[in-house]
C-alpha atoms as a PDB file:
ATOM      1  CA  MET A   1       0.000   0.000   0.000  1.00  0.00           C
ATOM      2  CA  GLU A   2       1.428   3.350  -1.028  1.00  0.00           C
ATOM      3  CA  LYS A   3       0.552   6.696   0.528  1.00  0.00           C
ATOM      4  CA  ASN A   4       1.269   9.986  -1.203  1.00  0.00           C
ATOM      5  CA  TRP A   5       1.563  13.335   0.532  1.00  0.00           C
ATOM      6  CA  ARG A   6       2.564  16.811  -0.563  1.00  0.00           C
ATOM      7  CA  LEU A   7       4.577  19.177   1.578  1.00  0.00           C
ATOM      8  CA  THR A   8       2.751  22.410   0.829  1.00  0.00           C
ATOM      9  CA  GLN A   9       3.819  24.640   3.728  1.00  0.00           C
ATOM     10  CA  ILE A  10       6.599  24.898   6.291  1.00  0.00           C
ATOM     11  CA  ASN A  11       5.864  26.846   9.446  1.00  0.00           C
ATOM     12  CA  PRO A  12       8.745  29.361   9.754  1.00  0.00           C
ATOM     13  CA  TRP A  13       8.641  29.335  13.554  1.00  0.00           C
ATOM     14  CA  SER A  14       8.991  25.527  13.607  1.00  0.00           C
ATOM     15  CA  ALA A  15      11.892  25.761  11.178  1.00  0.00           C
ATOM     16  CA  VAL A  16      13.598  28.342  13.410  1.00  0.00           C
ATOM     17  CA  LYS A  17      13.118  26.217  16.541  1.00  0.00           C
ATOM     18  CA  THR A  18      14.411  23.084  14.817  1.00  0.00           C
ATOM     19  CA  ALA A  19      17.421  24.883  13.354  1.00  0.00           C
ATOM     20  CA  PHE A  20      18.230  26.415  16.739  1.00  0.00           C
ATOM     21  CA  MET A  21      18.192  23.026  18.462  1.00  0.00           C
ATOM     22  CA  LEU A  22      20.371  21.545  15.696  1.00  0.00           C
ATOM     23  CA  ALA A  23      22.768  24.489  16.065  1.00  0.00           C
ATOM     24  CA  VAL A  24      22.969  23.893  19.820  1.00  0.00           C
ATOM     25  CA  ALA A  25      23.756  20.215  19.227  1.00  0.00           C
ATOM     26  CA  ALA A  26      26.348  21.096  16.572  1.00  0.00           C
ATOM     27  CA  SER A  27      27.935  23.696  18.857  1.00  0.00           C
ATOM     28  CA  ILE A  28      28.258  21.228  21.722  1.00  0.00           C
ATOM     29  CA  THR A  29      29.718  18.624  19.371  1.00  0.00           C
ATOM     30  CA  LEU A  30      32.141  21.138  17.873  1.00  0.00           C
ATOM     31  CA  THR A  31      33.303  22.265  21.308  1.00  0.00           C
ATOM     32  CA  VAL A  32      33.902  18.726  22.552  1.00  0.00           C
ATOM     33  CA  VAL A  33      35.734  17.648  19.378  1.00  0.00           C
ATOM     34  CA  VAL A  34      37.936  20.757  19.253  1.00  0.00           C
ATOM     35  CA  LEU A  35      38.863  20.560  22.929  1.00  0.00           C
ATOM     36  CA  LEU A  36      39.612  16.841  22.796  1.00  0.00           C
ATOM     37  CA  SER A  37      41.705  17.365  19.671  1.00  0.00           C
ATOM     38  CA  TRP A  38      43.562  20.243  21.324  1.00  0.00           C
ATOM     39  CA  LEU A  39      44.271  18.166  24.428  1.00  0.00           C
ATOM     40  CA  LEU A  40      45.476  15.244  22.314  1.00  0.00           C
ATOM     41  CA  LEU A  41      47.742  17.402  20.138  1.00  0.00           C
ATOM     42  CA  ARG A  42      49.091  19.243  23.181  1.00  0.00           C
ATOM     43  CA  ALA A  43      49.780  16.007  25.087  1.00  0.00           C
ATOM     44  CA  ALA A  44      51.508  14.482  22.066  1.00  0.00           C
ATOM     45  CA  GLY A  45      53.668  17.597  21.647  1.00  0.00           C
ATOM     46  CA  VAL A  46      52.650  18.119  18.034  1.00  0.00           C
ATOM     47  CA  LEU A  47      52.345  21.897  18.390  1.00  0.00           C
ATOM     48  CA  THR A  48      55.842  22.213  19.845  1.00  0.00           C
ATOM     49  CA  VAL A  49      57.367  19.951  17.193  1.00  0.00           C
ATOM     50  CA  PHE A  50      55.603  21.895  14.438  1.00  0.00           C
ATOM     51  CA  SER A  51      56.880  25.192  15.843  1.00  0.00           C
ATOM     52  CA  ASP A  52      60.431  23.832  16.122  1.00  0.00           C
ATOM     53  CA  THR A  53      60.334  22.447  12.578  1.00  0.00           C
ATOM     54  CA  LEU A  54      59.055  25.748  11.200  1.00  0.00           C
ATOM     55  CA  GLY A  55      61.788  27.592  13.100  1.00  0.00           C
ATOM     56  CA  ASP A  56      64.456  25.255  11.693  1.00  0.00           C
ATOM     57  CA  LEU A  57      63.187  25.693   8.141  1.00  0.00           C
ATOM     58  CA  LEU A  58      62.962  29.486   8.293  1.00  0.00           C
ATOM     59  CA  GLY A  59      65.994  30.016  10.499  1.00  0.00           C
ATOM     60  CA  THR A  60      64.119  31.960  13.174  1.00  0.00           C
ATOM     61  CA  ALA A  61      61.097  31.377  15.333  1.00  0.00           C
ATOM     62  CA  ILE A  62      58.611  33.618  13.539  1.00  0.00           C
ATOM     63  CA  VAL A  63      55.477  32.154  15.065  1.00  0.00           C
ATOM     64  CA  ASP A  64      55.273  30.566  18.476  1.00  0.00           C
ATOM     65  CA  PHE A  65      52.466  28.069  17.875  1.00  0.00           C
ATOM     66  CA  PRO A  66      52.193  26.739  21.435  1.00  0.00           C
ATOM     67  CA  SER A  67      51.439  30.224  22.783  1.00  0.00           C
ATOM     68  CA  LEU A  68      49.351  31.170  19.738  1.00  0.00           C
ATOM     69  CA  LEU A  69      47.160  28.102  20.186  1.00  0.00           C
ATOM     70  CA  SER A  70      46.705  28.382  23.928  1.00  0.00           C
ATOM     71  CA  PHE A  71      43.720  26.813  25.646  1.00  0.00           C
ATOM     72  CA  THR A  72      41.927  30.143  26.136  1.00  0.00           C
ATOM     73  CA  ARG A  73      42.377  31.182  22.496  1.00  0.00           C
ATOM     74  CA  VAL A  74      41.142  27.851  21.173  1.00  0.00           C
ATOM     75  CA  LEU A  75      38.193  27.893  23.558  1.00  0.00           C
ATOM     76  CA  GLY A  76      37.367  31.508  22.649  1.00  0.00           C
ATOM     77  CA  LEU A  77      37.470  30.778  18.917  1.00  0.00           C
ATOM     78  CA  CYS A  78      35.296  27.714  19.435  1.00  0.00           C
ATOM     79  CA  PHE A  79      32.722  29.775  21.360  1.00  0.00           C
ATOM     80  CA  LEU A  80      32.810  32.464  18.668  1.00  0.00           C
ATOM     81  CA  ILE A  81      32.071  29.912  15.945  1.00  0.00           C
ATOM     82  CA  SER A  82      29.324  28.392  18.114  1.00  0.00           C
ATOM     83  CA  ALA A  83      27.728  31.806  18.624  1.00  0.00           C
ATOM     84  CA  ALA A  84      27.805  32.401  14.874  1.00  0.00           C
ATOM     85  CA  GLN A  85      26.096  29.040  14.341  1.00  0.00           C
ATOM     86  CA  LEU A  86      23.401  29.877  16.875  1.00  0.00           C
ATOM     87  CA  ILE A  87      22.581  33.044  14.926  1.00  0.00           C
ATOM     88  CA  THR A  88      23.012  31.997  11.297  1.00  0.00           C
ATOM     89  CA  TRP A  89      21.341  28.572  11.301  1.00  0.00           C
ATOM     90  CA  PRO A  90      17.933  29.750  12.588  1.00  0.00           C
ATOM     91  CA  ALA A  91      18.076  32.843  10.370  1.00  0.00           C
ATOM     92  CA  GLY A  92      18.876  30.678   7.357  1.00  0.00           C
ATOM     93  CA  ALA A  93      16.073  28.257   8.226  1.00  0.00           C
ATOM     94  CA  PHE A  94      13.602  31.139   8.508  1.00  0.00           C
ATOM     95  CA  ILE A  95      14.601  32.570   5.135  1.00  0.00           C
ATOM     96  CA  TRP A  96      14.557  29.132   3.525  1.00  0.00           C
ATOM     97  CA  SER A  97      11.085  28.313   4.897  1.00  0.00           C
ATOM     98  CA  VAL A  98       9.636  31.643   3.732  1.00  0.00           C
ATOM     99  CA  LEU A  99      11.130  31.173   0.261  1.00  0.00           C
ATOM    100  CA  TYR A 100       9.840  27.599   0.148  1.00  0.00           C
ATOM    101  CA  ASN A 101       6.343  28.744   1.102  1.00  0.00           C
ATOM    102  CA  LEU A 102       6.456  31.344  -1.683  1.00  0.00           C
ATOM    103  CA  ALA A 103       7.700  28.805  -4.238  1.00  0.00           C
ATOM    104  CA  VAL A 104       5.031  26.247  -3.339  1.00  0.00           C
ATOM    105  CA  GLY A 105       2.451  28.385  -5.124  1.00  0.00           C
ATOM    106  CA  LEU A 106       4.343  27.831  -8.377  1.00  0.00           C
ATOM    107  CA  THR A 107       5.573  24.271  -7.940  1.00  0.00           C
ATOM    108  CA  GLY A 108       2.873  22.613  -5.862  1.00  0.00           C
ATOM    109  CA  GLY A 109       5.276  21.439  -3.169  1.00  0.00           C
ATOM    110  CA  ILE A 110       7.328  18.304  -2.682  1.00  0.00           C
ATOM    111  CA  LYS A 111       5.623  14.963  -3.232  1.00  0.00           C
ATOM    112  CA  VAL A 112       6.448  12.335  -0.606  1.00  0.00           C
ATOM    113  CA  SER A 113       5.533   8.693  -1.238  1.00  0.00           C
ATOM    114  CA  LEU A 114       5.624   6.083   1.513  1.00  0.00           C
ATOM    115  CA  ARG A 115       5.169   2.403   0.852  1.00  0.00           C
ATOM    116  CA  GLU A 116       4.765  -0.539   3.214  1.00  0.00           C
ATOM    117  CA  GLU A 117       6.728  -3.660   2.455  1.00  0.00           C
END
């Protein structure tokens, strides 16, 4: 048995709420992954080795990567990106839903077919 539906309208407020919750989940995931990666790279000494190698290649220590990529800077950049996500994702979802609702008048919406097997 096959059922056919048409998606003829998206509530902009629902799209904003959904996008906000997805942005919160993505921000938490991003923060955890970045901090775990930073801790792993710092514990392995990769940042120090990279800085030493760059200094040997160029002859002088132009950039001090361990101090440049300190915990507070990495955490601050991660929070800045998360804040940008929390603003842009819901705004993008709102604009997309309004444009979709306007285009439905011309296209008739998206047809969704579900079938039981």
